Amino acid sequence: MSMVRGKCFVECLPHESIAKLSQTDGARHHEVDNIVQNVSSPACLCVGVWSKVNLGACPRYINTVQNFDIEAYLGTWYEYSKYPFAYEIDGRCVKHDYETLSENKISVLATQFSSLNVQTSTDGVAKIVDPGKLSVRFNGLAALLGLTDYWVLATDYENYAVVYSCKNLADAHAKNVWILTRERDPAEDVVTDAEDVLISNGLSLDPLIVTDQTDCE
């Protein structure tokens, strides 16, 4: 496993796992084709769209917010940190805006400035499927991800939210984590509370990259 700050975080998978990944059809085969980034050695192939890839299925037991109040969750959240994610490489000033579409659906709009200082955005629709669990379908290039889990592990609605996503890839799984805050520059205790949530769920803090939220206006 390797990480370069601001670049893609990849996991090297053995050839037998790659063989299983390729023994899929239809949309899944297309999806696999699009996540393969490069061959780093004869012994492994690096998969770089998702952040942290491990063999085996997604963990079955991850605690999410019970009695999730979607109305209180709406509005603007700023990305404090995340596991490196290919669709946000070198992105800064990342923010997420959520608005109501219907009783169990909300719109998702993620905006950022690229390394060339060009503002880009990705939009989609999230559907509530269980308490604290949403399923998101993005538009544009991010649509290649298909339906994506968006699980709120914890939030106080006013300061921070911890979001988790996991996707099964044949005999492997890929995890993403985001710490979102209501302020671009959150207080230290807010960040600590959010990071404690990751620790309590057995999720490593090591891959986290702090998002640049300076000179955003």
N, C-alpha and C. Protein backbone atom coordinates (compact mmCIF):
# COMPACT_ATOMS: atom_id res chain seq x y z
N MET A 1 0.86 -1.18 0.00
CA MET A 1 0.00 0.00 0.00
C MET A 1 0.89 1.23 0.00
N SER A 2 0.52 2.27 -0.76
CA SER A 2 1.36 3.46 -0.80
C SER A 2 0.51 4.69 -0.92
N MET A 3 1.09 5.83 -0.49
CA MET A 3 0.34 7.07 -0.58
C MET A 3 1.30 8.20 -0.87
N VAL A 4 0.92 9.08 -1.77
CA VAL A 4 1.64 10.30 -2.03
C VAL A 4 0.68 11.43 -1.76
N ARG A 5 1.07 12.38 -0.93
CA ARG A 5 0.15 13.45 -0.54
C ARG A 5 -0.39 14.15 -1.77
N GLY A 6 -1.73 14.25 -1.84
CA GLY A 6 -2.38 14.92 -2.94
C GLY A 6 -2.53 14.07 -4.18
N LYS A 7 -2.04 12.82 -4.12
CA LYS A 7 -2.18 11.94 -5.27
C LYS A 7 -3.07 10.77 -4.91
N CYS A 8 -3.11 9.80 -5.80
CA CYS A 8 -4.02 8.69 -5.61
C CYS A 8 -3.46 7.67 -4.63
N PHE A 9 -4.28 7.23 -3.73
CA PHE A 9 -3.90 6.20 -2.77
C PHE A 9 -4.28 4.86 -3.34
N VAL A 10 -3.32 3.97 -3.51
CA VAL A 10 -3.60 2.72 -4.21
C VAL A 10 -3.18 1.52 -3.38
N GLU A 11 -3.79 0.42 -3.66
CA GLU A 11 -3.46 -0.86 -3.03
C GLU A 11 -3.09 -1.84 -4.12
N CYS A 12 -1.99 -2.53 -3.96
CA CYS A 12 -1.58 -3.52 -4.95
C CYS A 12 -2.26 -4.84 -4.67
N LEU A 13 -2.92 -5.36 -5.67
CA LEU A 13 -3.64 -6.62 -5.55
C LEU A 13 -2.89 -7.72 -6.28
N PRO A 14 -2.81 -8.92 -5.71
CA PRO A 14 -2.14 -10.02 -6.38
C PRO A 14 -2.87 -10.43 -7.64
N HIS A 15 -2.16 -11.10 -8.56
CA HIS A 15 -2.73 -11.47 -9.85
C HIS A 15 -3.97 -12.34 -9.71
N GLU A 16 -4.00 -13.24 -8.70
CA GLU A 16 -5.19 -14.08 -8.57
C GLU A 16 -6.42 -13.26 -8.24
N SER A 17 -6.22 -12.15 -7.51
CA SER A 17 -7.35 -11.28 -7.21
C SER A 17 -7.77 -10.50 -8.44
N ILE A 18 -6.78 -10.05 -9.23
CA ILE A 18 -7.10 -9.34 -10.46
C ILE A 18 -7.86 -10.25 -11.40
N ALA A 19 -7.48 -11.53 -11.43
CA ALA A 19 -8.19 -12.48 -12.29
C ALA A 19 -9.65 -12.58 -11.88
N LYS A 20 -9.90 -12.60 -10.58
CA LYS A 20 -11.28 -12.67 -10.11
C LYS A 20 -12.02 -11.37 -10.43
N LEU A 21 -11.29 -10.24 -10.31
CA LEU A 21 -11.92 -8.97 -10.66
C LEU A 21 -12.32 -8.94 -12.12
N SER A 22 -11.52 -9.56 -12.97
CA SER A 22 -11.80 -9.51 -14.41
C SER A 22 -12.84 -10.54 -14.84
N GLN A 23 -13.12 -11.53 -13.98
CA GLN A 23 -14.09 -12.56 -14.33
C GLN A 23 -15.50 -12.10 -13.97
N THR A 24 -15.83 -10.92 -14.44
CA THR A 24 -17.14 -10.34 -14.20
C THR A 24 -17.69 -9.91 -15.53
N ASP A 25 -18.98 -9.56 -15.56
CA ASP A 25 -19.55 -9.21 -16.84
C ASP A 25 -20.36 -7.93 -16.74
N GLY A 26 -20.84 -7.48 -17.88
CA GLY A 26 -21.73 -6.34 -17.95
C GLY A 26 -21.14 -5.10 -17.30
N ALA A 27 -21.98 -4.44 -16.50
CA ALA A 27 -21.60 -3.17 -15.89
C ALA A 27 -20.39 -3.33 -14.98
N ARG A 28 -20.31 -4.45 -14.23
CA ARG A 28 -19.19 -4.64 -13.32
C ARG A 28 -17.88 -4.73 -14.09
N HIS A 29 -17.88 -5.43 -15.24
CA HIS A 29 -16.66 -5.53 -16.03
C HIS A 29 -16.25 -4.15 -16.53
N HIS A 30 -17.24 -3.37 -16.97
CA HIS A 30 -16.95 -2.01 -17.43
C HIS A 30 -16.39 -1.19 -16.29
N GLU A 31 -16.95 -1.37 -15.10
CA GLU A 31 -16.50 -0.64 -13.93
C GLU A 31 -15.06 -0.99 -13.60
N VAL A 32 -14.73 -2.28 -13.64
CA VAL A 32 -13.37 -2.71 -13.34
C VAL A 32 -12.39 -2.12 -14.35
N ASP A 33 -12.78 -2.14 -15.63
CA ASP A 33 -11.91 -1.57 -16.67
C ASP A 33 -11.59 -0.12 -16.36
N ASN A 34 -12.53 0.60 -15.80
CA ASN A 34 -12.34 2.02 -15.57
C ASN A 34 -11.60 2.34 -14.29
N ILE A 35 -11.46 1.38 -13.38
CA ILE A 35 -10.71 1.68 -12.17
C ILE A 35 -9.26 1.26 -12.26
N VAL A 36 -8.91 0.48 -13.29
CA VAL A 36 -7.52 0.05 -13.41
C VAL A 36 -6.68 1.23 -13.88
N GLN A 37 -5.68 1.59 -13.11
CA GLN A 37 -4.89 2.77 -13.42
C GLN A 37 -3.57 2.42 -14.10
N ASN A 38 -2.81 1.52 -13.54
CA ASN A 38 -1.52 1.17 -14.14
C ASN A 38 -0.99 -0.09 -13.48
N VAL A 39 -0.08 -0.75 -14.21
CA VAL A 39 0.59 -1.92 -13.65
C VAL A 39 1.90 -1.44 -13.04
N SER A 40 2.06 -1.65 -11.73
CA SER A 40 3.24 -1.14 -11.05
C SER A 40 4.36 -2.15 -10.98
N SER A 41 4.07 -3.45 -11.15
CA SER A 41 5.10 -4.47 -11.14
C SER A 41 4.50 -5.74 -11.70
N PRO A 42 5.32 -6.75 -12.04
CA PRO A 42 4.77 -8.01 -12.54
C PRO A 42 3.89 -8.70 -11.52
N ALA A 43 4.05 -8.36 -10.24
CA ALA A 43 3.33 -9.10 -9.20
C ALA A 43 2.02 -8.47 -8.79
N CYS A 44 1.79 -7.24 -9.19
CA CYS A 44 0.56 -6.61 -8.71
C CYS A 44 0.07 -5.56 -9.67
N LEU A 45 -1.16 -5.19 -9.49
CA LEU A 45 -1.77 -4.16 -10.31
C LEU A 45 -2.43 -3.17 -9.37
N CYS A 46 -2.22 -1.91 -9.61
CA CYS A 46 -2.72 -0.90 -8.68
C CYS A 46 -4.07 -0.37 -9.11
N VAL A 47 -4.98 -0.36 -8.16
CA VAL A 47 -6.33 0.11 -8.40
C VAL A 47 -6.47 1.44 -7.70
N GLY A 48 -6.81 2.50 -8.45
CA GLY A 48 -6.68 3.81 -7.87
C GLY A 48 -7.87 4.73 -7.85
N VAL A 49 -9.06 4.27 -8.17
CA VAL A 49 -10.20 5.18 -8.07
C VAL A 49 -10.64 5.31 -6.62
N TRP A 50 -10.72 4.18 -5.92
CA TRP A 50 -11.09 4.23 -4.51
C TRP A 50 -9.83 4.39 -3.67
N SER A 51 -10.02 4.73 -2.40
CA SER A 51 -8.89 5.10 -1.58
C SER A 51 -8.10 3.93 -1.03
N LYS A 52 -8.77 3.06 -0.32
CA LYS A 52 -8.08 2.01 0.42
C LYS A 52 -8.70 0.68 0.05
N VAL A 53 -7.94 -0.15 -0.65
CA VAL A 53 -8.45 -1.41 -1.16
C VAL A 53 -7.83 -2.56 -0.38
N ASN A 54 -8.67 -3.47 0.10
CA ASN A 54 -8.22 -4.66 0.82
C ASN A 54 -8.96 -5.87 0.30
N LEU A 55 -8.35 -7.03 0.43
CA LEU A 55 -9.01 -8.26 0.03
C LEU A 55 -10.16 -8.56 0.97
N GLY A 56 -11.14 -9.29 0.44
CA GLY A 56 -12.32 -9.64 1.23
C GLY A 56 -13.46 -8.67 1.00
N ALA A 57 -14.61 -9.00 1.56
CA ALA A 57 -15.80 -8.17 1.39
C ALA A 57 -15.79 -6.98 2.34
N CYS A 58 -16.66 -6.01 2.06
CA CYS A 58 -16.82 -4.87 2.95
C CYS A 58 -17.21 -5.34 4.36
N PRO A 59 -16.73 -4.67 5.39
CA PRO A 59 -17.13 -5.03 6.75
C PRO A 59 -18.64 -5.03 6.89
N ARG A 60 -19.18 -6.02 7.57
CA ARG A 60 -20.63 -6.15 7.69
C ARG A 60 -21.20 -5.26 8.78
N TYR A 61 -20.41 -4.95 9.79
CA TYR A 61 -20.96 -4.24 10.93
C TYR A 61 -20.25 -2.90 11.11
N ILE A 62 -20.88 -1.87 10.60
CA ILE A 62 -20.40 -0.50 10.77
C ILE A 62 -21.56 0.29 11.37
N ASN A 63 -21.31 0.96 12.47
CA ASN A 63 -22.37 1.70 13.15
C ASN A 63 -22.65 3.02 12.44
N THR A 64 -23.92 3.27 12.14
CA THR A 64 -24.33 4.55 11.56
C THR A 64 -25.27 5.27 12.52
N VAL A 65 -25.59 6.51 12.19
CA VAL A 65 -26.44 7.32 13.05
C VAL A 65 -27.86 6.76 13.05
N GLN A 66 -28.36 6.45 14.23
CA GLN A 66 -29.76 6.04 14.36
C GLN A 66 -30.62 7.30 14.54
N ASN A 67 -31.88 7.22 14.17
CA ASN A 67 -32.77 8.40 14.23
C ASN A 67 -32.15 9.57 13.46
N PHE A 68 -31.59 9.25 12.30
CA PHE A 68 -30.93 10.27 11.48
C PHE A 68 -31.92 11.33 11.05
N ASP A 69 -31.58 12.60 11.30
CA ASP A 69 -32.44 13.74 10.98
C ASP A 69 -31.94 14.38 9.69
N ILE A 70 -32.51 13.98 8.58
CA ILE A 70 -32.02 14.45 7.29
C ILE A 70 -32.20 15.95 7.13
N GLU A 71 -33.27 16.50 7.70
CA GLU A 71 -33.50 17.94 7.57
C GLU A 71 -32.40 18.73 8.27
N ALA A 72 -31.97 18.25 9.43
CA ALA A 72 -30.90 18.94 10.16
C ALA A 72 -29.55 18.79 9.45
N TYR A 73 -29.44 17.75 8.64
CA TYR A 73 -28.19 17.46 7.95
C TYR A 73 -28.02 18.30 6.68
N LEU A 74 -29.12 18.79 6.12
CA LEU A 74 -29.07 19.54 4.87
C LEU A 74 -28.23 20.80 5.00
N GLY A 75 -27.88 21.36 3.85
CA GLY A 75 -27.10 22.59 3.83
C GLY A 75 -25.69 22.34 3.35
N THR A 76 -24.79 23.22 3.74
CA THR A 76 -23.41 23.18 3.27
C THR A 76 -22.48 22.53 4.30
N TRP A 77 -21.66 21.61 3.81
CA TRP A 77 -20.60 21.01 4.60
C TRP A 77 -19.28 21.21 3.86
N TYR A 78 -18.23 21.53 4.62
CA TYR A 78 -16.90 21.67 4.03
C TYR A 78 -16.09 20.42 4.32
N GLU A 79 -15.32 20.01 3.35
CA GLU A 79 -14.50 18.81 3.51
C GLU A 79 -13.24 19.16 4.29
N TYR A 80 -13.16 18.63 5.51
CA TYR A 80 -11.95 18.87 6.31
C TYR A 80 -10.85 17.90 5.90
N SER A 81 -11.18 16.63 5.79
CA SER A 81 -10.18 15.64 5.38
C SER A 81 -10.86 14.43 4.76
N LYS A 82 -10.07 13.59 4.13
CA LYS A 82 -10.62 12.42 3.45
C LYS A 82 -9.51 11.41 3.20
N TYR A 83 -9.90 10.17 2.93
CA TYR A 83 -8.98 9.23 2.32
C TYR A 83 -8.79 9.70 0.88
N PRO A 84 -7.57 9.73 0.35
CA PRO A 84 -7.34 10.20 -1.02
C PRO A 84 -8.26 9.50 -2.01
N PHE A 85 -8.81 10.28 -2.91
CA PHE A 85 -9.87 9.81 -3.80
C PHE A 85 -9.61 10.36 -5.19
N ALA A 86 -9.59 9.48 -6.20
CA ALA A 86 -9.15 9.87 -7.54
C ALA A 86 -9.95 11.04 -8.12
N TYR A 87 -11.25 11.10 -7.83
CA TYR A 87 -12.06 12.16 -8.41
C TYR A 87 -11.85 13.51 -7.73
N GLU A 88 -11.02 13.52 -6.66
CA GLU A 88 -10.73 14.78 -5.99
C GLU A 88 -9.23 15.03 -5.91
N ILE A 89 -8.46 14.46 -6.83
CA ILE A 89 -7.01 14.62 -6.79
C ILE A 89 -6.65 16.10 -6.87
N ASP A 90 -5.84 16.56 -5.92
CA ASP A 90 -5.36 17.95 -5.88
C ASP A 90 -6.49 18.96 -5.73
N GLY A 91 -7.69 18.52 -5.41
CA GLY A 91 -8.80 19.45 -5.24
C GLY A 91 -8.67 20.23 -3.94
N ARG A 92 -9.07 21.49 -3.96
CA ARG A 92 -9.08 22.30 -2.74
C ARG A 92 -10.43 23.02 -2.65
N CYS A 93 -10.69 23.57 -1.48
CA CYS A 93 -11.95 24.28 -1.24
C CYS A 93 -13.15 23.38 -1.54
N VAL A 94 -13.03 22.11 -1.20
CA VAL A 94 -14.10 21.16 -1.50
C VAL A 94 -15.26 21.38 -0.53
N LYS A 95 -16.45 21.50 -1.08
CA LYS A 95 -17.64 21.61 -0.23
C LYS A 95 -18.77 20.80 -0.82
N HIS A 96 -19.68 20.37 0.05
CA HIS A 96 -20.82 19.56 -0.35
C HIS A 96 -22.09 20.30 0.06
N ASP A 97 -23.02 20.42 -0.87
CA ASP A 97 -24.31 21.05 -0.59
C ASP A 97 -25.42 20.04 -0.79
N TYR A 98 -26.32 19.96 0.19
CA TYR A 98 -27.43 19.00 0.16
C TYR A 98 -28.75 19.74 0.27
N GLU A 99 -29.70 19.38 -0.60
CA GLU A 99 -31.03 19.97 -0.58
C GLU A 99 -32.08 18.88 -0.74
N THR A 100 -33.27 19.14 -0.23
CA THR A 100 -34.36 18.17 -0.31
C THR A 100 -34.91 18.08 -1.72
N LEU A 101 -35.13 16.85 -2.19
CA LEU A 101 -35.83 16.62 -3.45
C LEU A 101 -37.22 16.04 -3.21
N SER A 102 -37.30 15.11 -2.28
CA SER A 102 -38.57 14.49 -1.91
C SER A 102 -38.43 13.93 -0.51
N GLU A 103 -39.41 13.17 -0.07
CA GLU A 103 -39.40 12.69 1.31
C GLU A 103 -38.16 11.87 1.65
N ASN A 104 -37.67 11.08 0.70
CA ASN A 104 -36.51 10.24 1.00
C ASN A 104 -35.35 10.42 0.03
N LYS A 105 -35.34 11.55 -0.69
CA LYS A 105 -34.26 11.83 -1.63
C LYS A 105 -33.74 13.24 -1.44
N ILE A 106 -32.42 13.38 -1.58
CA ILE A 106 -31.81 14.70 -1.52
C ILE A 106 -30.85 14.87 -2.70
N SER A 107 -30.62 16.11 -3.09
CA SER A 107 -29.64 16.39 -4.13
C SER A 107 -28.27 16.58 -3.49
N VAL A 108 -27.25 16.19 -4.23
CA VAL A 108 -25.87 16.30 -3.76
C VAL A 108 -25.09 17.11 -4.79
N LEU A 109 -24.41 18.15 -4.33
CA LEU A 109 -23.57 18.95 -5.21
C LEU A 109 -22.22 19.14 -4.53
N ALA A 110 -21.18 18.58 -5.14
CA ALA A 110 -19.82 18.72 -4.62
C ALA A 110 -19.04 19.64 -5.55
N THR A 111 -18.44 20.67 -4.99
CA THR A 111 -17.65 21.61 -5.80
C THR A 111 -16.24 21.71 -5.23
N GLN A 112 -15.31 22.05 -6.11
CA GLN A 112 -13.92 22.20 -5.69
C GLN A 112 -13.19 23.04 -6.72
N PHE A 113 -11.99 23.49 -6.35
CA PHE A 113 -11.08 24.13 -7.29
C PHE A 113 -9.98 23.14 -7.62
N SER A 114 -9.68 23.00 -8.91
CA SER A 114 -8.63 22.09 -9.34
C SER A 114 -7.26 22.72 -9.10
N SER A 115 -6.21 21.96 -9.39
CA SER A 115 -4.85 22.47 -9.24
C SER A 115 -4.58 23.64 -10.19
N LEU A 116 -5.41 23.76 -11.25
CA LEU A 116 -5.30 24.88 -12.19
C LEU A 116 -6.20 26.03 -11.81
N ASN A 117 -6.78 25.95 -10.60
CA ASN A 117 -7.67 26.98 -10.06
C ASN A 117 -8.96 27.12 -10.86
N VAL A 118 -9.40 26.01 -11.44
CA VAL A 118 -10.67 25.97 -12.17
C VAL A 118 -11.70 25.29 -11.28
N GLN A 119 -12.85 25.93 -11.14
CA GLN A 119 -13.90 25.34 -10.30
C GLN A 119 -14.61 24.23 -11.06
N THR A 120 -14.73 23.09 -10.45
CA THR A 120 -15.44 21.95 -11.03
C THR A 120 -16.51 21.48 -10.06
N SER A 121 -17.47 20.74 -10.57
CA SER A 121 -18.54 20.26 -9.70
C SER A 121 -19.01 18.89 -10.15
N THR A 122 -19.55 18.15 -9.20
CA THR A 122 -20.16 16.85 -9.45
C THR A 122 -21.49 16.82 -8.73
N ASP A 123 -22.54 16.44 -9.44
CA ASP A 123 -23.85 16.41 -8.80
C ASP A 123 -24.44 15.01 -8.87
N GLY A 124 -25.41 14.79 -8.00
CA GLY A 124 -26.06 13.49 -7.98
C GLY A 124 -27.28 13.50 -7.08
N VAL A 125 -27.85 12.33 -6.89
CA VAL A 125 -29.04 12.17 -6.05
C VAL A 125 -28.77 11.08 -5.03
N ALA A 126 -29.11 11.37 -3.78
CA ALA A 126 -28.94 10.40 -2.70
C ALA A 126 -30.31 9.98 -2.18
N LYS A 127 -30.46 8.68 -1.99
CA LYS A 127 -31.71 8.12 -1.47
C LYS A 127 -31.45 7.50 -0.11
N ILE A 128 -32.31 7.80 0.84
CA ILE A 128 -32.19 7.23 2.18
C ILE A 128 -32.70 5.80 2.14
N VAL A 129 -31.86 4.85 2.54
CA VAL A 129 -32.24 3.44 2.49
C VAL A 129 -32.39 2.83 3.88
N ASP A 130 -31.70 3.38 4.86
CA ASP A 130 -31.77 2.93 6.25
C ASP A 130 -31.34 4.10 7.12
N PRO A 131 -31.56 4.04 8.43
CA PRO A 131 -31.11 5.13 9.29
C PRO A 131 -29.62 5.40 9.13
N GLY A 132 -29.29 6.62 8.74
CA GLY A 132 -27.90 7.00 8.56
C GLY A 132 -27.25 6.45 7.32
N LYS A 133 -28.00 5.72 6.49
CA LYS A 133 -27.43 5.10 5.29
C LYS A 133 -28.13 5.64 4.05
N LEU A 134 -27.33 6.20 3.14
CA LEU A 134 -27.84 6.69 1.88
C LEU A 134 -27.13 5.99 0.74
N SER A 135 -27.78 5.97 -0.41
CA SER A 135 -27.19 5.42 -1.63
C SER A 135 -27.18 6.54 -2.66
N VAL A 136 -26.00 6.83 -3.21
CA VAL A 136 -25.84 7.98 -4.09
C VAL A 136 -25.51 7.53 -5.51
N ARG A 137 -26.14 8.17 -6.48
CA ARG A 137 -25.77 7.99 -7.88
C ARG A 137 -25.35 9.34 -8.43
N PHE A 138 -24.09 9.43 -8.85
CA PHE A 138 -23.57 10.69 -9.38
C PHE A 138 -23.73 10.76 -10.89
N ASN A 139 -23.63 11.96 -11.41
CA ASN A 139 -23.66 12.19 -12.85
C ASN A 139 -22.23 12.43 -13.35
N GLY A 140 -22.08 12.56 -14.66
CA GLY A 140 -20.77 12.82 -15.24
C GLY A 140 -19.83 11.63 -15.11
N LEU A 141 -18.52 11.91 -15.06
CA LEU A 141 -17.53 10.84 -14.97
C LEU A 141 -17.70 10.01 -13.71
N ALA A 142 -18.15 10.65 -12.63
CA ALA A 142 -18.33 9.92 -11.37
C ALA A 142 -19.42 8.87 -11.47
N ALA A 143 -20.23 8.92 -12.53
CA ALA A 143 -21.26 7.89 -12.73
C ALA A 143 -20.64 6.51 -12.91
N LEU A 144 -19.35 6.48 -13.29
CA LEU A 144 -18.66 5.20 -13.45
C LEU A 144 -18.61 4.42 -12.15
N LEU A 145 -18.76 5.11 -11.03
CA LEU A 145 -18.75 4.44 -9.74
C LEU A 145 -20.03 3.66 -9.49
N GLY A 146 -21.08 3.94 -10.26
CA GLY A 146 -22.36 3.29 -10.02
C GLY A 146 -22.96 3.78 -8.72
N LEU A 147 -23.88 2.99 -8.15
CA LEU A 147 -24.45 3.34 -6.86
C LEU A 147 -23.37 3.28 -5.79
N THR A 148 -23.29 4.33 -5.00
CA THR A 148 -22.24 4.44 -4.00
C THR A 148 -22.85 4.59 -2.62
N ASP A 149 -22.35 3.82 -1.66
CA ASP A 149 -22.81 3.97 -0.28
C ASP A 149 -22.36 5.31 0.28
N TYR A 150 -23.23 5.92 1.07
CA TYR A 150 -22.92 7.15 1.79
C TYR A 150 -23.49 6.95 3.19
N TRP A 151 -22.64 6.47 4.07
CA TRP A 151 -23.08 6.15 5.43
C TRP A 151 -22.58 7.20 6.40
N VAL A 152 -23.49 7.78 7.15
CA VAL A 152 -23.12 8.77 8.16
C VAL A 152 -22.84 8.04 9.47
N LEU A 153 -21.58 7.94 9.82
CA LEU A 153 -21.20 7.21 11.03
C LEU A 153 -21.53 8.00 12.29
N ALA A 154 -21.41 9.32 12.18
CA ALA A 154 -21.74 10.18 13.32
C ALA A 154 -21.86 11.62 12.85
N THR A 155 -22.70 12.39 13.50
CA THR A 155 -22.81 13.82 13.25
C THR A 155 -23.52 14.48 14.41
N ASP A 156 -23.14 15.71 14.69
CA ASP A 156 -23.91 16.51 15.65
C ASP A 156 -24.71 17.57 14.91
N TYR A 157 -24.68 17.50 13.58
CA TYR A 157 -25.44 18.35 12.66
C TYR A 157 -24.94 19.80 12.61
N GLU A 158 -24.32 20.28 13.68
CA GLU A 158 -23.92 21.68 13.76
C GLU A 158 -22.43 21.90 13.57
N ASN A 159 -21.64 20.83 13.74
CA ASN A 159 -20.19 21.00 13.68
C ASN A 159 -19.49 20.01 12.75
N TYR A 160 -19.81 18.74 12.85
CA TYR A 160 -19.08 17.75 12.07
C TYR A 160 -19.97 16.59 11.63
N ALA A 161 -19.52 15.91 10.61
CA ALA A 161 -20.13 14.66 10.16
C ALA A 161 -19.00 13.76 9.67
N VAL A 162 -19.13 12.48 9.96
CA VAL A 162 -18.16 11.49 9.50
C VAL A 162 -18.87 10.56 8.53
N VAL A 163 -18.40 10.52 7.29
CA VAL A 163 -19.06 9.76 6.23
C VAL A 163 -18.14 8.62 5.77
N TYR A 164 -18.76 7.48 5.55
CA TYR A 164 -18.03 6.26 5.18
C TYR A 164 -18.68 5.64 3.95
N SER A 165 -17.84 5.10 3.07
CA SER A 165 -18.35 4.40 1.90
C SER A 165 -17.48 3.17 1.65
N CYS A 166 -18.12 2.08 1.25
CA CYS A 166 -17.37 0.87 0.93
C CYS A 166 -18.00 0.22 -0.29
N LYS A 167 -17.17 -0.28 -1.17
CA LYS A 167 -17.66 -0.90 -2.40
C LYS A 167 -16.96 -2.24 -2.59
N ASN A 168 -17.76 -3.28 -2.83
CA ASN A 168 -17.20 -4.60 -3.09
C ASN A 168 -16.72 -4.70 -4.54
N LEU A 169 -15.53 -5.25 -4.73
CA LEU A 169 -14.94 -5.43 -6.05
C LEU A 169 -14.47 -6.88 -6.15
N ALA A 170 -15.34 -7.75 -6.65
CA ALA A 170 -15.01 -9.18 -6.70
C ALA A 170 -14.60 -9.65 -5.31
N ASP A 171 -13.35 -10.09 -5.12
CA ASP A 171 -12.94 -10.58 -3.80
C ASP A 171 -12.19 -9.52 -3.00
N ALA A 172 -12.36 -8.27 -3.39
CA ALA A 172 -11.74 -7.16 -2.66
C ALA A 172 -12.81 -6.14 -2.29
N HIS A 173 -12.44 -5.20 -1.44
CA HIS A 173 -13.35 -4.10 -1.14
C HIS A 173 -12.54 -2.81 -1.01
N ALA A 174 -13.20 -1.69 -1.28
CA ALA A 174 -12.53 -0.39 -1.25
C ALA A 174 -13.30 0.55 -0.34
N LYS A 175 -12.58 1.22 0.54
CA LYS A 175 -13.20 2.10 1.52
C LYS A 175 -12.83 3.55 1.25
N ASN A 176 -13.76 4.44 1.52
CA ASN A 176 -13.51 5.87 1.54
C ASN A 176 -14.06 6.45 2.83
N VAL A 177 -13.43 7.51 3.28
CA VAL A 177 -13.85 8.20 4.49
C VAL A 177 -13.74 9.70 4.24
N TRP A 178 -14.72 10.44 4.72
CA TRP A 178 -14.69 11.90 4.67
C TRP A 178 -15.04 12.46 6.05
N ILE A 179 -14.31 13.45 6.49
CA ILE A 179 -14.70 14.25 7.65
C ILE A 179 -15.18 15.58 7.12
N LEU A 180 -16.45 15.88 7.38
CA LEU A 180 -17.06 17.13 6.93
C LEU A 180 -17.33 18.02 8.13
N THR A 181 -17.19 19.32 7.92
CA THR A 181 -17.43 20.27 9.01
C THR A 181 -18.26 21.44 8.48
N ARG A 182 -18.94 22.10 9.40
CA ARG A 182 -19.77 23.24 9.00
C ARG A 182 -18.93 24.49 8.75
N GLU A 183 -17.72 24.53 9.27
CA GLU A 183 -16.82 25.66 9.08
C GLU A 183 -15.63 25.21 8.24
N ARG A 184 -15.11 26.13 7.43
CA ARG A 184 -13.92 25.79 6.64
C ARG A 184 -12.72 25.51 7.54
N ASP A 185 -12.66 26.22 8.66
CA ASP A 185 -11.54 26.06 9.59
C ASP A 185 -12.11 25.68 10.95
N PRO A 186 -12.41 24.40 11.15
CA PRO A 186 -13.07 23.97 12.38
C PRO A 186 -12.13 24.01 13.59
N ALA A 187 -12.74 24.09 14.76
CA ALA A 187 -11.96 24.06 16.00
C ALA A 187 -11.31 22.70 16.17
N GLU A 188 -10.22 22.67 16.90
CA GLU A 188 -9.46 21.43 17.08
C GLU A 188 -10.29 20.35 17.76
N ASP A 189 -11.13 20.74 18.73
CA ASP A 189 -11.93 19.73 19.43
C ASP A 189 -12.98 19.11 18.52
N VAL A 190 -13.44 19.86 17.53
CA VAL A 190 -14.40 19.32 16.55
C VAL A 190 -13.72 18.23 15.72
N VAL A 191 -12.51 18.50 15.28
CA VAL A 191 -11.76 17.52 14.49
C VAL A 191 -11.47 16.28 15.32
N THR A 192 -11.10 16.48 16.58
CA THR A 192 -10.80 15.35 17.46
C THR A 192 -12.03 14.47 17.64
N ASP A 193 -13.18 15.08 17.85
CA ASP A 193 -14.43 14.31 18.01
C ASP A 193 -14.69 13.46 16.76
N ALA A 194 -14.48 14.05 15.59
CA ALA A 194 -14.72 13.32 14.34
C ALA A 194 -13.73 12.18 14.17
N GLU A 195 -12.48 12.43 14.46
CA GLU A 195 -11.47 11.38 14.31
C GLU A 195 -11.69 10.25 15.30
N ASP A 196 -12.19 10.57 16.49
CA ASP A 196 -12.50 9.53 17.48
C ASP A 196 -13.55 8.56 16.95
N VAL A 197 -14.46 9.06 16.12
CA VAL A 197 -15.48 8.21 15.51
C VAL A 197 -14.83 7.17 14.61
N LEU A 198 -13.85 7.60 13.83
CA LEU A 198 -13.15 6.66 12.95
C LEU A 198 -12.43 5.60 13.77
N ILE A 199 -11.75 6.03 14.80
CA ILE A 199 -11.01 5.09 15.64
C ILE A 199 -11.94 4.07 16.26
N SER A 200 -13.10 4.53 16.75
CA SER A 200 -14.05 3.61 17.39
C SER A 200 -14.64 2.61 16.41
N ASN A 201 -14.59 2.93 15.12
CA ASN A 201 -15.08 2.01 14.09
C ASN A 201 -13.96 1.21 13.43
N GLY A 202 -12.77 1.28 14.01
CA GLY A 202 -11.65 0.51 13.48
C GLY A 202 -11.11 1.02 12.16
N LEU A 203 -11.33 2.30 11.87
CA LEU A 203 -10.87 2.89 10.62
C LEU A 203 -9.62 3.73 10.88
N SER A 204 -8.59 3.51 10.10
CA SER A 204 -7.31 4.16 10.33
C SER A 204 -7.36 5.65 10.01
N LEU A 205 -6.62 6.42 10.81
CA LEU A 205 -6.47 7.85 10.53
C LEU A 205 -5.31 8.11 9.58
N ASP A 206 -4.44 7.13 9.40
CA ASP A 206 -3.21 7.33 8.63
C ASP A 206 -3.43 7.81 7.20
N PRO A 207 -4.43 7.27 6.47
CA PRO A 207 -4.59 7.72 5.07
C PRO A 207 -5.21 9.11 4.92
N LEU A 208 -5.71 9.69 6.01
CA LEU A 208 -6.43 10.96 5.89
C LEU A 208 -5.53 12.07 5.36
N ILE A 209 -6.05 12.81 4.41
CA ILE A 209 -5.39 14.00 3.88
C ILE A 209 -6.27 15.20 4.19
N VAL A 210 -5.69 16.22 4.79
CA VAL A 210 -6.44 17.43 5.11
C VAL A 210 -6.62 18.25 3.84
N THR A 211 -7.85 18.66 3.58
CA THR A 211 -8.19 19.42 2.38
C THR A 211 -7.84 20.89 2.56
N ASP A 212 -7.21 21.47 1.58
CA ASP A 212 -6.87 22.90 1.60
C ASP A 212 -8.15 23.72 1.48
N GLN A 213 -8.46 24.48 2.51
CA GLN A 213 -9.65 25.33 2.49
C GLN A 213 -9.29 26.81 2.59
N THR A 214 -8.13 27.18 2.06
CA THR A 214 -7.70 28.58 2.09
C THR A 214 -7.92 29.24 0.73
N ASP A 215 -8.11 30.56 0.75
CA ASP A 215 -8.30 31.36 -0.47
C ASP A 215 -9.41 30.78 -1.35
N CYS A 216 -10.56 30.54 -0.72
CA CYS A 216 -11.66 29.89 -1.43
C CYS A 216 -12.70 30.86 -1.98
N GLU A 217 -12.67 32.08 -1.57
CA GLU A 217 -13.70 33.03 -2.01
C GLU A 217 -13.29 33.71 -3.32
